[in-house]
Amino acid sequence: AEKQPFYLKEKVLFQHTVNHAWFRTILYFTRKKTEDIIEEELAIKNNDGAYTTAFKEILKDYYLHL
């Protein structure tokens, strides 16, 4: 990415629940170099099996029944 040049702006780590290991990382690059890289962690489900509020907020435009 740096050869293009693209710079990392945001990194989001996904896990099924807070008890699981990370299974996916989404990286957001930009052509403008930034000093601070935003890092987020997102669990898809709570310990009771319900979708987390953060997960529902991110995907609300794509899924009708979360």
N, C-alpha and C. Protein backbone atom coordinates (compact mmCIF):
# COMPACT_ATOMS: atom_id res chain seq x y z
N ALA A 1 0.82 -1.19 0.00
CA ALA A 1 0.00 0.00 0.00
C ALA A 1 0.87 1.26 0.00
N GLU A 2 1.97 1.22 0.73
CA GLU A 2 2.82 2.41 0.81
C GLU A 2 3.45 2.76 -0.54
N LYS A 3 3.61 1.80 -1.42
CA LYS A 3 4.21 2.06 -2.73
C LYS A 3 3.27 2.83 -3.65
N GLN A 4 1.97 2.90 -3.34
CA GLN A 4 1.00 3.50 -4.25
C GLN A 4 0.88 5.02 -4.19
N PRO A 5 0.98 5.84 -3.29
CA PRO A 5 1.09 5.66 -1.84
C PRO A 5 -0.27 5.70 -1.15
N PHE A 6 -0.51 4.72 -0.33
CA PHE A 6 -1.69 4.68 0.54
C PHE A 6 -1.20 4.58 1.97
N TYR A 7 -1.95 5.17 2.88
CA TYR A 7 -1.57 5.16 4.29
C TYR A 7 -2.73 4.64 5.12
N LEU A 8 -2.40 3.83 6.11
CA LEU A 8 -3.41 3.26 6.98
C LEU A 8 -4.05 4.37 7.82
N LYS A 9 -5.39 4.42 7.78
CA LYS A 9 -6.12 5.42 8.55
C LYS A 9 -6.92 4.77 9.69
N GLU A 10 -7.49 3.58 9.41
CA GLU A 10 -8.32 2.93 10.41
C GLU A 10 -8.18 1.42 10.31
N LYS A 11 -8.24 0.77 11.48
CA LYS A 11 -8.13 -0.68 11.56
C LYS A 11 -9.22 -1.18 12.49
N VAL A 12 -10.04 -2.14 12.00
CA VAL A 12 -11.12 -2.71 12.81
C VAL A 12 -10.90 -4.21 12.92
N LEU A 13 -10.85 -4.71 14.15
CA LEU A 13 -10.67 -6.13 14.41
C LEU A 13 -12.03 -6.73 14.78
N PHE A 14 -12.40 -7.83 14.13
CA PHE A 14 -13.69 -8.47 14.36
C PHE A 14 -13.50 -9.80 15.08
N GLN A 15 -14.44 -10.08 15.99
CA GLN A 15 -14.48 -11.38 16.65
C GLN A 15 -15.95 -11.77 16.81
N HIS A 16 -16.20 -13.08 16.86
CA HIS A 16 -17.59 -13.56 16.96
C HIS A 16 -18.21 -13.12 18.28
N THR A 17 -17.51 -13.36 19.39
CA THR A 17 -17.91 -12.87 20.71
C THR A 17 -16.64 -12.42 21.42
N VAL A 18 -16.80 -11.82 22.57
CA VAL A 18 -15.62 -11.36 23.31
C VAL A 18 -14.77 -12.52 23.79
N ASN A 19 -15.30 -13.73 23.77
CA ASN A 19 -14.55 -14.92 24.19
C ASN A 19 -13.80 -15.59 23.04
N HIS A 20 -14.00 -15.14 21.81
CA HIS A 20 -13.35 -15.73 20.64
C HIS A 20 -12.14 -14.89 20.22
N ALA A 21 -11.26 -15.54 19.49
CA ALA A 21 -10.11 -14.84 18.90
C ALA A 21 -10.58 -14.00 17.72
N TRP A 22 -9.76 -13.03 17.33
CA TRP A 22 -10.08 -12.21 16.16
C TRP A 22 -10.05 -13.09 14.92
N PHE A 23 -11.02 -12.91 14.03
CA PHE A 23 -11.05 -13.74 12.82
C PHE A 23 -10.98 -12.90 11.55
N ARG A 24 -11.13 -11.59 11.67
CA ARG A 24 -11.08 -10.74 10.49
C ARG A 24 -10.62 -9.35 10.88
N THR A 25 -9.86 -8.73 9.98
CA THR A 25 -9.42 -7.36 10.17
C THR A 25 -9.78 -6.57 8.91
N ILE A 26 -10.36 -5.41 9.10
CA ILE A 26 -10.65 -4.52 7.98
C ILE A 26 -9.74 -3.31 8.11
N LEU A 27 -9.03 -3.01 7.03
CA LEU A 27 -8.12 -1.88 7.01
C LEU A 27 -8.65 -0.82 6.06
N TYR A 28 -8.61 0.43 6.49
CA TYR A 28 -9.07 1.56 5.68
C TYR A 28 -7.86 2.42 5.37
N PHE A 29 -7.57 2.56 4.08
CA PHE A 29 -6.42 3.33 3.64
C PHE A 29 -6.86 4.64 2.99
N THR A 30 -5.99 5.62 3.02
CA THR A 30 -6.22 6.89 2.38
C THR A 30 -4.93 7.36 1.73
N ARG A 31 -5.02 8.30 0.82
CA ARG A 31 -3.82 8.84 0.19
C ARG A 31 -3.20 9.96 1.02
N LYS A 32 -3.94 10.44 2.01
CA LYS A 32 -3.43 11.51 2.87
C LYS A 32 -2.85 10.88 4.14
N LYS A 33 -1.61 11.15 4.41
CA LYS A 33 -0.95 10.59 5.58
C LYS A 33 -1.50 11.23 6.85
N THR A 34 -1.86 10.38 7.81
CA THR A 34 -2.40 10.87 9.08
C THR A 34 -1.48 10.45 10.21
N GLU A 35 -1.45 11.24 11.25
CA GLU A 35 -0.59 10.94 12.40
C GLU A 35 -1.17 9.83 13.27
N ASP A 36 -2.49 9.88 13.48
CA ASP A 36 -3.13 8.92 14.37
C ASP A 36 -3.92 7.89 13.58
N ILE A 37 -3.66 6.63 13.86
CA ILE A 37 -4.41 5.53 13.24
C ILE A 37 -5.51 5.13 14.23
N ILE A 38 -6.74 5.09 13.75
CA ILE A 38 -7.87 4.70 14.59
C ILE A 38 -7.92 3.18 14.64
N GLU A 39 -7.95 2.62 15.84
CA GLU A 39 -8.07 1.18 16.01
C GLU A 39 -9.33 0.87 16.79
N GLU A 40 -10.14 -0.04 16.25
CA GLU A 40 -11.39 -0.43 16.90
C GLU A 40 -11.44 -1.95 17.02
N GLU A 41 -12.17 -2.40 18.02
CA GLU A 41 -12.43 -3.82 18.20
C GLU A 41 -13.95 -3.99 18.19
N LEU A 42 -14.42 -5.00 17.46
CA LEU A 42 -15.86 -5.19 17.34
C LEU A 42 -16.21 -6.66 17.52
N ALA A 43 -17.04 -6.93 18.52
CA ALA A 43 -17.60 -8.27 18.71
C ALA A 43 -18.96 -8.30 18.03
N ILE A 44 -19.25 -9.37 17.32
CA ILE A 44 -20.50 -9.48 16.58
C ILE A 44 -21.67 -9.80 17.52
N LYS A 45 -21.44 -10.69 18.49
CA LYS A 45 -22.52 -11.08 19.40
C LYS A 45 -22.09 -10.93 20.86
N ASN A 46 -23.08 -10.66 21.71
CA ASN A 46 -22.86 -10.64 23.15
C ASN A 46 -22.73 -12.06 23.66
N ASN A 47 -22.40 -12.20 24.93
CA ASN A 47 -22.31 -13.54 25.53
C ASN A 47 -23.63 -14.28 25.52
N ASP A 48 -24.75 -13.55 25.48
CA ASP A 48 -26.06 -14.21 25.45
C ASP A 48 -26.50 -14.58 24.03
N GLY A 49 -25.66 -14.30 23.02
CA GLY A 49 -25.97 -14.69 21.64
C GLY A 49 -26.66 -13.63 20.81
N ALA A 50 -26.99 -12.49 21.42
CA ALA A 50 -27.64 -11.40 20.68
C ALA A 50 -26.58 -10.55 19.97
N TYR A 51 -26.95 -9.98 18.84
CA TYR A 51 -26.03 -9.09 18.13
C TYR A 51 -25.72 -7.87 18.98
N THR A 52 -24.46 -7.42 18.97
CA THR A 52 -24.08 -6.24 19.75
C THR A 52 -24.64 -4.99 19.09
N THR A 53 -24.78 -3.95 19.87
CA THR A 53 -25.28 -2.67 19.38
C THR A 53 -24.35 -2.12 18.30
N ALA A 54 -23.05 -2.22 18.50
CA ALA A 54 -22.08 -1.71 17.52
C ALA A 54 -22.21 -2.44 16.19
N PHE A 55 -22.38 -3.76 16.23
CA PHE A 55 -22.52 -4.54 15.01
C PHE A 55 -23.80 -4.15 14.26
N LYS A 56 -24.90 -4.02 14.99
CA LYS A 56 -26.16 -3.63 14.37
C LYS A 56 -26.07 -2.24 13.76
N GLU A 57 -25.39 -1.33 14.41
CA GLU A 57 -25.25 0.03 13.91
C GLU A 57 -24.46 0.06 12.59
N ILE A 58 -23.41 -0.71 12.51
CA ILE A 58 -22.59 -0.74 11.30
C ILE A 58 -23.35 -1.34 10.12
N LEU A 59 -24.14 -2.37 10.36
CA LEU A 59 -24.80 -3.09 9.27
C LEU A 59 -26.27 -2.75 9.06
N LYS A 60 -26.79 -1.75 9.76
CA LYS A 60 -28.21 -1.45 9.68
C LYS A 60 -28.68 -1.10 8.27
N ASP A 61 -27.84 -0.53 7.44
CA ASP A 61 -28.21 -0.18 6.07
C ASP A 61 -28.21 -1.37 5.13
N TYR A 62 -27.67 -2.49 5.58
CA TYR A 62 -27.51 -3.66 4.70
C TYR A 62 -28.42 -4.83 5.07
N TYR A 63 -28.82 -4.91 6.34
CA TYR A 63 -29.67 -6.00 6.80
C TYR A 63 -30.95 -5.43 7.38
N LEU A 64 -32.07 -6.00 6.99
CA LEU A 64 -33.36 -5.50 7.48
C LEU A 64 -33.71 -6.03 8.86
N HIS A 65 -33.28 -7.24 9.20
CA HIS A 65 -33.72 -7.87 10.44
C HIS A 65 -32.53 -8.29 11.29
N LEU A 66 -31.92 -7.34 11.95
CA LEU A 66 -30.82 -7.67 12.88
C LEU A 66 -31.30 -7.55 14.29
